[in-house]
Amino acid sequence: HNDKNIIVTGFVEDVREYLNKGTFLILPMEIGAGFRGR
């Protein structure tokens, strides 16, 4: 985290505030198990 080009939020009450800033989501997957709610 450097508060410039890399921002690590930790737990936040409303994730939409940060998700709304994103152009796209990257979701690397190793195994196809479980339910990917995100």
All heavy atoms as atom14 arrays in JSON, in Angstrom:
{
  "sequence": "HNDKNIIVTGFVEDVREYLNKGTFLILPMEIGAGFRGR",
  "atom14_mask": [
    [1, 1, 1, 1, 1, 1, 1, 1, 1, 1, 0, 0, 0, 0],
    [1, 1, 1, 1, 1, 1, 1, 1, 0, 0, 0, 0, 0, 0],
    [1, 1, 1, 1, 1, 1, 1, 1, 0, 0, 0, 0, 0, 0],
    [1, 1, 1, 1, 1, 1, 1, 1, 1, 0, 0, 0, 0, 0],
    [1, 1, 1, 1, 1, 1, 1, 1, 0, 0, 0, 0, 0, 0],
    [1, 1, 1, 1, 1, 1, 1, 1, 0, 0, 0, 0, 0, 0],
    [1, 1, 1, 1, 1, 1, 1, 1, 0, 0, 0, 0, 0, 0],
    [1, 1, 1, 1, 1, 1, 1, 0, 0, 0, 0, 0, 0, 0],
    [1, 1, 1, 1, 1, 1, 1, 0, 0, 0, 0, 0, 0, 0],
    [1, 1, 1, 1, 0, 0, 0, 0, 0, 0, 0, 0, 0, 0],
    [1, 1, 1, 1, 1, 1, 1, 1, 1, 1, 1, 0, 0, 0],
    [1, 1, 1, 1, 1, 1, 1, 0, 0, 0, 0, 0, 0, 0],
    [1, 1, 1, 1, 1, 1, 1, 1, 1, 0, 0, 0, 0, 0],
    [1, 1, 1, 1, 1, 1, 1, 1, 0, 0, 0, 0, 0, 0],
    [1, 1, 1, 1, 1, 1, 1, 0, 0, 0, 0, 0, 0, 0],
    [1, 1, 1, 1, 1, 1, 1, 1, 1, 1, 1, 0, 0, 0],
    [1, 1, 1, 1, 1, 1, 1, 1, 1, 0, 0, 0, 0, 0],
    [1, 1, 1, 1, 1, 1, 1, 1, 1, 1, 1, 1, 0, 0],
    [1, 1, 1, 1, 1, 1, 1, 1, 0, 0, 0, 0, 0, 0],
    [1, 1, 1, 1, 1, 1, 1, 1, 0, 0, 0, 0, 0, 0],
    [1, 1, 1, 1, 1, 1, 1, 1, 1, 0, 0, 0, 0, 0],
    [1, 1, 1, 1, 0, 0, 0, 0, 0, 0, 0, 0, 0, 0],
    [1, 1, 1, 1, 1, 1, 1, 0, 0, 0, 0, 0, 0, 0],
    [1, 1, 1, 1, 1, 1, 1, 1, 1, 1, 1, 0, 0, 0],
    [1, 1, 1, 1, 1, 1, 1, 1, 0, 0, 0, 0, 0, 0],
    [1, 1, 1, 1, 1, 1, 1, 1, 0, 0, 0, 0, 0, 0],
    [1, 1, 1, 1, 1, 1, 1, 1, 0, 0, 0, 0, 0, 0],
    [1, 1, 1, 1, 1, 1, 1, 0, 0, 0, 0, 0, 0, 0],
    [1, 1, 1, 1, 1, 1, 1, 1, 0, 0, 0, 0, 0, 0],
    [1, 1, 1, 1, 1, 1, 1, 1, 1, 0, 0, 0, 0, 0],
    [1, 1, 1, 1, 1, 1, 1, 1, 0, 0, 0, 0, 0, 0],
    [1, 1, 1, 1, 0, 0, 0, 0, 0, 0, 0, 0, 0, 0],
    [1, 1, 1, 1, 1, 0, 0, 0, 0, 0, 0, 0, 0, 0],
    [1, 1, 1, 1, 0, 0, 0, 0, 0, 0, 0, 0, 0, 0],
    [1, 1, 1, 1, 1, 1, 1, 1, 1, 1, 1, 0, 0, 0],
    [1, 1, 1, 1, 1, 1, 1, 1, 1, 1, 1, 0, 0, 0],
    [1, 1, 1, 1, 0, 0, 0, 0, 0, 0, 0, 0, 0, 0],
    [1, 1, 1, 1, 1, 1, 1, 1, 1, 1, 1, 0, 0, 0]
  ],
  "atom14_positions": [
    [[0.84, -1.21, 0.0], [0.0, 0.0, 0.0], [0.87, 1.26, 0.0], [1.75, 1.42, 0.84], [-0.9, 0.0, 1.24], [-1.74, 1.23, 1.37], [-2.92, 1.39, 0.69], [-1.56, 2.36, 2.09], [-3.45, 2.56, 0.99], [-2.63, 3.17, 1.84], [0.0, 0.0, 0.0], [0.0, 0.0, 0.0], [0.0, 0.0, 0.0], [0.0, 0.0, 0.0]],
    [[0.62, 2.14, -0.96], [1.35, 3.42, -0.99], [0.41, 4.62, -1.13], [0.86, 5.75, -1.25], [2.39, 3.43, -2.11], [1.77, 3.23, -3.49], [0.57, 3.42, -3.68], [2.59, 2.82, -4.45], [0.0, 0.0, 0.0], [0.0, 0.0, 0.0], [0.0, 0.0, 0.0], [0.0, 0.0, 0.0], [0.0, 0.0, 0.0], [0.0, 0.0, 0.0]],
    [[-0.9, 4.33, -1.14], [-1.93, 5.38, -1.21], [-1.86, 6.19, -2.51], [-2.45, 7.26, -2.6], [-1.84, 6.31, 0.0], [-3.2, 6.9, 0.36], [-4.22, 6.27, 0.02], [-3.24, 8.0, 0.95], [0.0, 0.0, 0.0], [0.0, 0.0, 0.0], [0.0, 0.0, 0.0], [0.0, 0.0, 0.0], [0.0, 0.0, 0.0], [0.0, 0.0, 0.0]],
    [[-1.14, 5.68, -3.5], [-1.05, 6.37, -4.79], [-1.58, 5.47, -5.89], [-2.71, 5.62, -6.35], [0.4, 6.78, -5.05], [0.91, 7.85, -4.09], [2.36, 8.18, -4.37], [2.87, 9.23, -3.38], [4.32, 9.53, -3.6], [0.0, 0.0, 0.0], [0.0, 0.0, 0.0], [0.0, 0.0, 0.0], [0.0, 0.0, 0.0], [0.0, 0.0, 0.0]],
    [[-0.72, 4.52, -6.3], [-1.18, 3.63, -7.37], [-1.53, 2.22, -6.87], [-2.09, 1.42, -7.62], [-0.13, 3.53, -8.48], [1.17, 2.93, -7.98], [1.58, 3.21, -6.86], [1.82, 2.13, -8.8], [0.0, 0.0, 0.0], [0.0, 0.0, 0.0], [0.0, 0.0, 0.0], [0.0, 0.0, 0.0], [0.0, 0.0, 0.0], [0.0, 0.0, 0.0]],
    [[-1.21, 1.92, -5.61], [-1.61, 0.65, -5.01], [-2.32, 0.94, -3.69], [-1.71, 1.47, -2.75], [-0.42, -0.29, -4.79], [0.24, -0.64, -6.13], [-0.88, -1.57, -4.08], [1.4, -1.6, -6.04], [0.0, 0.0, 0.0], [0.0, 0.0, 0.0], [0.0, 0.0, 0.0], [0.0, 0.0, 0.0], [0.0, 0.0, 0.0], [0.0, 0.0, 0.0]],
    [[-3.6, 0.6, -3.63], [-4.41, 0.89, -2.44], [-4.92, -0.42, -1.86], [-5.65, -1.17, -2.52], [-5.61, 1.81, -2.8], [-5.11, 3.17, -3.26], [-6.54, 1.97, -1.59], [-4.91, 3.32, -4.73], [0.0, 0.0, 0.0], [0.0, 0.0, 0.0], [0.0, 0.0, 0.0], [0.0, 0.0, 0.0], [0.0, 0.0, 0.0], [0.0, 0.0, 0.0]],
    [[-4.52, -0.71, -0.63], [-4.98, -1.9, 0.08], [-5.99, -1.43, 1.12], [-5.64, -0.7, 2.05], [-3.82, -2.65, 0.77], [-4.33, -3.91, 1.46], [-2.73, -3.0, -0.23], [0.0, 0.0, 0.0], [0.0, 0.0, 0.0], [0.0, 0.0, 0.0], [0.0, 0.0, 0.0], [0.0, 0.0, 0.0], [0.0, 0.0, 0.0], [0.0, 0.0, 0.0]],
    [[-7.24, -1.84, 0.97], [-8.29, -1.27, 1.82], [-8.4, -1.93, 3.2], [-8.73, -1.27, 4.17], [-9.67, -1.41, 1.14], [-10.02, -2.79, 1.06], [-9.65, -0.79, -0.24], [0.0, 0.0, 0.0], [0.0, 0.0, 0.0], [0.0, 0.0, 0.0], [0.0, 0.0, 0.0], [0.0, 0.0, 0.0], [0.0, 0.0, 0.0], [0.0, 0.0, 0.0]],
    [[-8.15, -3.24, 3.28], [-8.55, -3.95, 4.48], [-10.07, -4.05, 4.5], [-10.74, -3.74, 3.5], [0.0, 0.0, 0.0], [0.0, 0.0, 0.0], [0.0, 0.0, 0.0], [0.0, 0.0, 0.0], [0.0, 0.0, 0.0], [0.0, 0.0, 0.0], [0.0, 0.0, 0.0], [0.0, 0.0, 0.0], [0.0, 0.0, 0.0], [0.0, 0.0, 0.0]],
    [[-10.64, -4.42, 5.62], [-12.1, -4.55, 5.71], [-12.76, -3.18, 5.58], [-12.32, -2.2, 6.19], [-12.5, -5.19, 7.04], [-13.99, -5.22, 7.26], [-14.76, -6.2, 6.65], [-14.62, -4.27, 8.05], [-16.14, -6.23, 6.83], [-15.99, -4.29, 8.24], [-16.75, -5.28, 7.62], [0.0, 0.0, 0.0], [0.0, 0.0, 0.0], [0.0, 0.0, 0.0]],
    [[-13.81, -3.1, 4.76], [-14.58, -1.86, 4.63], [-16.07, -2.17, 4.77], [-16.51, -3.27, 4.42], [-14.33, -1.15, 3.27], [-12.92, -0.61, 3.2], [-14.6, -2.08, 2.1], [0.0, 0.0, 0.0], [0.0, 0.0, 0.0], [0.0, 0.0, 0.0], [0.0, 0.0, 0.0], [0.0, 0.0, 0.0], [0.0, 0.0, 0.0], [0.0, 0.0, 0.0]],
    [[-16.81, -1.23, 5.32], [-18.25, -1.44, 5.55], [-19.01, -1.55, 4.24], [-19.9, -2.37, 4.09], [-18.82, -0.28, 6.39], [-18.4, -0.31, 7.85], [-18.96, -1.5, 8.61], [-20.01, -2.04, 8.2], [-18.34, -1.9, 9.62], [0.0, 0.0, 0.0], [0.0, 0.0, 0.0], [0.0, 0.0, 0.0], [0.0, 0.0, 0.0], [0.0, 0.0, 0.0]],
    [[-18.68, -0.68, 3.27], [-19.39, -0.68, 1.98], [-18.36, -0.82, 0.86], [-17.7, 0.14, 0.47], [-20.18, 0.61, 1.82], [-21.09, 0.6, 0.59], [-20.95, -0.32, -0.24], [-21.92, 1.51, 0.45], [0.0, 0.0, 0.0], [0.0, 0.0, 0.0], [0.0, 0.0, 0.0], [0.0, 0.0, 0.0], [0.0, 0.0, 0.0], [0.0, 0.0, 0.0]],
    [[-18.22, -2.05, 0.36], [-17.19, -2.31, -0.66], [-17.49, -1.59, -1.97], [-16.59, -1.38, -2.79], [-17.04, -3.83, -0.94], [-16.51, -4.54, 0.28], [-18.34, -4.45, -1.43], [0.0, 0.0, 0.0], [0.0, 0.0, 0.0], [0.0, 0.0, 0.0], [0.0, 0.0, 0.0], [0.0, 0.0, 0.0], [0.0, 0.0, 0.0], [0.0, 0.0, 0.0]],
    [[-18.75, -1.19, -2.19], [-19.13, -0.55, -3.45], [-18.34, 0.73, -3.7], [-18.06, 1.08, -4.84], [-20.63, -0.25, -3.47], [-21.52, -1.48, -3.43], [-22.97, -1.08, -3.32], [-23.22, -0.23, -2.18], [-24.38, 0.36, -1.9], [-25.42, 0.15, -2.71], [-24.54, 1.13, -0.84], [0.0, 0.0, 0.0], [0.0, 0.0, 0.0], [0.0, 0.0, 0.0]],
    [[-17.99, 1.43, -2.62], [-17.24, 2.68, -2.74], [-15.94, 2.45, -3.51], [-15.53, 3.29, -4.32], [-16.93, 3.22, -1.33], [-16.07, 4.47, -1.33], [-15.62, 4.85, 0.06], [-16.17, 4.32, 1.05], [-14.69, 5.67, 0.15], [0.0, 0.0, 0.0], [0.0, 0.0, 0.0], [0.0, 0.0, 0.0], [0.0, 0.0, 0.0], [0.0, 0.0, 0.0]],
    [[-15.29, 1.32, -3.25], [-14.02, 1.02, -3.92], [-14.23, 0.26, -5.22], [-13.53, 0.5, -6.21], [-13.11, 0.22, -2.99], [-12.58, 1.06, -1.85], [-13.21, 1.08, -0.62], [-11.46, 1.87, -2.04], [-12.75, 1.86, 0.42], [-10.98, 2.67, -1.01], [-11.62, 2.66, 0.22], [-11.15, 3.46, 1.22], [0.0, 0.0, 0.0], [0.0, 0.0, 0.0]],
    [[-15.19, -0.64, -5.24], [-15.45, -1.38, -6.47], [-15.85, -0.44, -7.59], [-15.52, -0.65, -8.76], [-16.57, -2.41, -6.25], [-16.3, -3.54, -5.24], [-17.49, -4.5, -5.22], [-15.03, -4.3, -5.58], [0.0, 0.0, 0.0], [0.0, 0.0, 0.0], [0.0, 0.0, 0.0], [0.0, 0.0, 0.0], [0.0, 0.0, 0.0], [0.0, 0.0, 0.0]],
    [[-16.54, 0.62, -7.24], [-17.03, 1.57, -8.23], [-15.9, 2.29, -8.97], [-16.1, 2.84, -10.04], [-17.93, 2.61, -7.55], [-18.84, 3.31, -8.54], [-19.42, 2.67, -9.42], [-18.97, 4.61, -8.42], [0.0, 0.0, 0.0], [0.0, 0.0, 0.0], [0.0, 0.0, 0.0], [0.0, 0.0, 0.0], [0.0, 0.0, 0.0], [0.0, 0.0, 0.0]],
    [[-14.69, 2.25, -8.4], [-13.56, 2.93, -9.01], [-12.91, 2.08, -10.1], [-12.1, 2.57, -10.88], [-12.5, 3.24, -7.95], [-12.98, 4.18, -6.83], [-11.89, 4.31, -5.77], [-12.38, 5.1, -4.56], [-12.57, 6.52, -4.84], [0.0, 0.0, 0.0], [0.0, 0.0, 0.0], [0.0, 0.0, 0.0], [0.0, 0.0, 0.0], [0.0, 0.0, 0.0]],
    [[-13.25, 0.8, -10.16], [-12.51, -0.13, -10.99], [-12.96, -0.21, -12.43], [-14.15, -0.17, -12.74], [0.0, 0.0, 0.0], [0.0, 0.0, 0.0], [0.0, 0.0, 0.0], [0.0, 0.0, 0.0], [0.0, 0.0, 0.0], [0.0, 0.0, 0.0], [0.0, 0.0, 0.0], [0.0, 0.0, 0.0], [0.0, 0.0, 0.0], [0.0, 0.0, 0.0]],
    [[-11.98, -0.29, -13.34], [-12.27, -0.5, -14.75], [-12.63, -1.97, -14.99], [-13.54, -2.28, -15.73], [-11.02, -0.15, -15.6], [-10.56, 1.13, -15.19], [-11.35, -0.15, -17.08], [0.0, 0.0, 0.0], [0.0, 0.0, 0.0], [0.0, 0.0, 0.0], [0.0, 0.0, 0.0], [0.0, 0.0, 0.0], [0.0, 0.0, 0.0], [0.0, 0.0, 0.0]],
    [[-11.89, -2.86, -14.35], [-12.22, -4.28, -14.44], [-11.7, -5.03, -13.21], [-10.87, -4.52, -12.46], [-11.67, -4.91, -15.73], [-10.17, -4.91, -15.85], [-9.41, -5.97, -15.4], [-9.52, -3.83, -16.46], [-8.03, -5.97, -15.53], [-8.14, -3.83, -16.6], [-7.39, -4.9, -16.13], [0.0, 0.0, 0.0], [0.0, 0.0, 0.0], [0.0, 0.0, 0.0]],
    [[-12.22, -6.22, -13.04], [-11.84, -7.08, -11.91], [-10.96, -8.2, -12.42], [-11.25, -8.79, -13.47], [-13.08, -7.68, -11.26], [-12.83, -8.76, -10.19], [-12.57, -8.11, -8.84], [-14.01, -9.72, -10.09], [0.0, 0.0, 0.0], [0.0, 0.0, 0.0], [0.0, 0.0, 0.0], [0.0, 0.0, 0.0], [0.0, 0.0, 0.0], [0.0, 0.0, 0.0]],
    [[-9.91, -8.5, -11.69], [-9.12, -9.68, -12.02], [-9.38, -10.74, -10.96], [-9.38, -10.45, -9.76], [-7.61, -9.38, -12.12], [-6.83, -10.65, -12.46], [-7.06, -8.77, -10.84], [-5.67, -10.45, -13.38], [0.0, 0.0, 0.0], [0.0, 0.0, 0.0], [0.0, 0.0, 0.0], [0.0, 0.0, 0.0], [0.0, 0.0, 0.0], [0.0, 0.0, 0.0]],
    [[-9.67, -11.95, -11.42], [-10.02, -13.03, -10.49], [-9.24, -14.3, -10.87], [-9.75, -15.18, -11.55], [-11.53, -13.31, -10.56], [-12.06, -14.32, -9.55], [-12.09, -13.73, -8.16], [-13.45, -14.79, -9.94], [0.0, 0.0, 0.0], [0.0, 0.0, 0.0], [0.0, 0.0, 0.0], [0.0, 0.0, 0.0], [0.0, 0.0, 0.0], [0.0, 0.0, 0.0]],
    [[-7.98, -14.39, -10.47], [-7.2, -15.59, -10.78], [-7.78, -16.79, -10.03], [-8.05, -16.7, -8.84], [-5.8, -15.27, -10.26], [-5.81, -13.82, -9.92], [-7.22, -13.46, -9.64], [0.0, 0.0, 0.0], [0.0, 0.0, 0.0], [0.0, 0.0, 0.0], [0.0, 0.0, 0.0], [0.0, 0.0, 0.0], [0.0, 0.0, 0.0], [0.0, 0.0, 0.0]],
    [[-7.97, -17.9, -10.74], [-8.55, -19.08, -10.09], [-7.65, -20.29, -10.28], [-7.15, -20.54, -11.37], [-9.94, -19.37, -10.66], [-10.96, -18.32, -10.3], [-12.63, -18.81, -10.74], [-12.92, -20.12, -9.56], [0.0, 0.0, 0.0], [0.0, 0.0, 0.0], [0.0, 0.0, 0.0], [0.0, 0.0, 0.0], [0.0, 0.0, 0.0], [0.0, 0.0, 0.0]],
    [[-7.45, -20.98, -9.18], [-6.59, -22.17, -9.21], [-7.43, -23.43, -9.31], [-7.06, -24.39, -9.97], [-5.74, -22.19, -7.94], [-4.49, -23.03, -8.04], [-3.51, -22.71, -6.93], [-3.48, -21.57, -6.45], [-2.78, -23.63, -6.54], [0.0, 0.0, 0.0], [0.0, 0.0, 0.0], [0.0, 0.0, 0.0], [0.0, 0.0, 0.0], [0.0, 0.0, 0.0]],
    [[-8.56, -23.42, -8.61], [-9.46, -24.58, -8.64], [-10.89, -24.1, -8.86], [-11.25, -23.0, -8.43], [-9.39, -25.41, -7.34], [-9.65, -24.52, -6.11], [-8.05, -26.1, -7.2], [-9.75, -25.29, -4.81], [0.0, 0.0, 0.0], [0.0, 0.0, 0.0], [0.0, 0.0, 0.0], [0.0, 0.0, 0.0], [0.0, 0.0, 0.0], [0.0, 0.0, 0.0]],
    [[-11.69, -24.89, -9.54], [-13.09, -24.51, -9.78], [-14.0, -25.06, -8.72], [-14.84, -25.91, -8.97], [0.0, 0.0, 0.0], [0.0, 0.0, 0.0], [0.0, 0.0, 0.0], [0.0, 0.0, 0.0], [0.0, 0.0, 0.0], [0.0, 0.0, 0.0], [0.0, 0.0, 0.0], [0.0, 0.0, 0.0], [0.0, 0.0, 0.0], [0.0, 0.0, 0.0]],
    [[-13.82, -24.6, -7.47], [-14.61, -25.13, -6.37], [-15.29, -24.0, -5.62], [-14.82, -22.87, -5.63], [-13.72, -25.92, -5.41], [0.0, 0.0, 0.0], [0.0, 0.0, 0.0], [0.0, 0.0, 0.0], [0.0, 0.0, 0.0], [0.0, 0.0, 0.0], [0.0, 0.0, 0.0], [0.0, 0.0, 0.0], [0.0, 0.0, 0.0], [0.0, 0.0, 0.0]],
    [[-16.41, -24.32, -4.98], [-17.1, -23.33, -4.18], [-17.94, -22.38, -5.01], [-18.04, -22.49, -6.23], [0.0, 0.0, 0.0], [0.0, 0.0, 0.0], [0.0, 0.0, 0.0], [0.0, 0.0, 0.0], [0.0, 0.0, 0.0], [0.0, 0.0, 0.0], [0.0, 0.0, 0.0], [0.0, 0.0, 0.0], [0.0, 0.0, 0.0], [0.0, 0.0, 0.0]],
    [[-18.53, -21.41, -4.33], [-19.4, -20.43, -4.99], [-18.69, -19.08, -4.98], [-18.36, -18.57, -3.92], [-20.73, -20.34, -4.24], [-21.61, -19.22, -4.73], [-22.17, -19.28, -5.99], [-21.87, -18.11, -3.95], [-22.97, -18.26, -6.46], [-22.67, -17.08, -4.41], [-23.22, -17.16, -5.67], [0.0, 0.0, 0.0], [0.0, 0.0, 0.0], [0.0, 0.0, 0.0]],
    [[-18.43, -18.54, -6.13], [-17.7, -17.28, -6.23], [-18.68, -16.12, -6.19], [-19.03, -15.53, -7.21], [-16.87, -17.27, -7.52], [-15.77, -18.33, -7.52], [-14.66, -17.99, -6.53], [-13.83, -19.16, -6.24], [-13.97, -19.88, -5.14], [-14.86, -19.57, -4.23], [-13.18, -20.91, -4.92], [0.0, 0.0, 0.0], [0.0, 0.0, 0.0], [0.0, 0.0, 0.0]],
    [[-19.13, -15.78, -4.97], [-20.12, -14.73, -4.79], [-19.69, -13.39, -5.35], [-20.49, -12.6, -5.85], [0.0, 0.0, 0.0], [0.0, 0.0, 0.0], [0.0, 0.0, 0.0], [0.0, 0.0, 0.0], [0.0, 0.0, 0.0], [0.0, 0.0, 0.0], [0.0, 0.0, 0.0], [0.0, 0.0, 0.0], [0.0, 0.0, 0.0], [0.0, 0.0, 0.0]],
    [[-18.39, -13.12, -5.29], [-17.9, -11.8, -5.74], [-18.1, -11.6, -7.24], [-18.18, -10.48, -7.72], [-16.44, -11.64, -5.34], [-15.46, -12.44, -6.13], [-14.12, -12.52, -5.46], [-13.98, -13.8, -4.78], [-12.81, -14.37, -4.54], [-11.71, -13.76, -4.87], [-12.74, -15.53, -3.94], [0.0, 0.0, 0.0], [0.0, 0.0, 0.0], [0.0, 0.0, 0.0]]
  ]
}
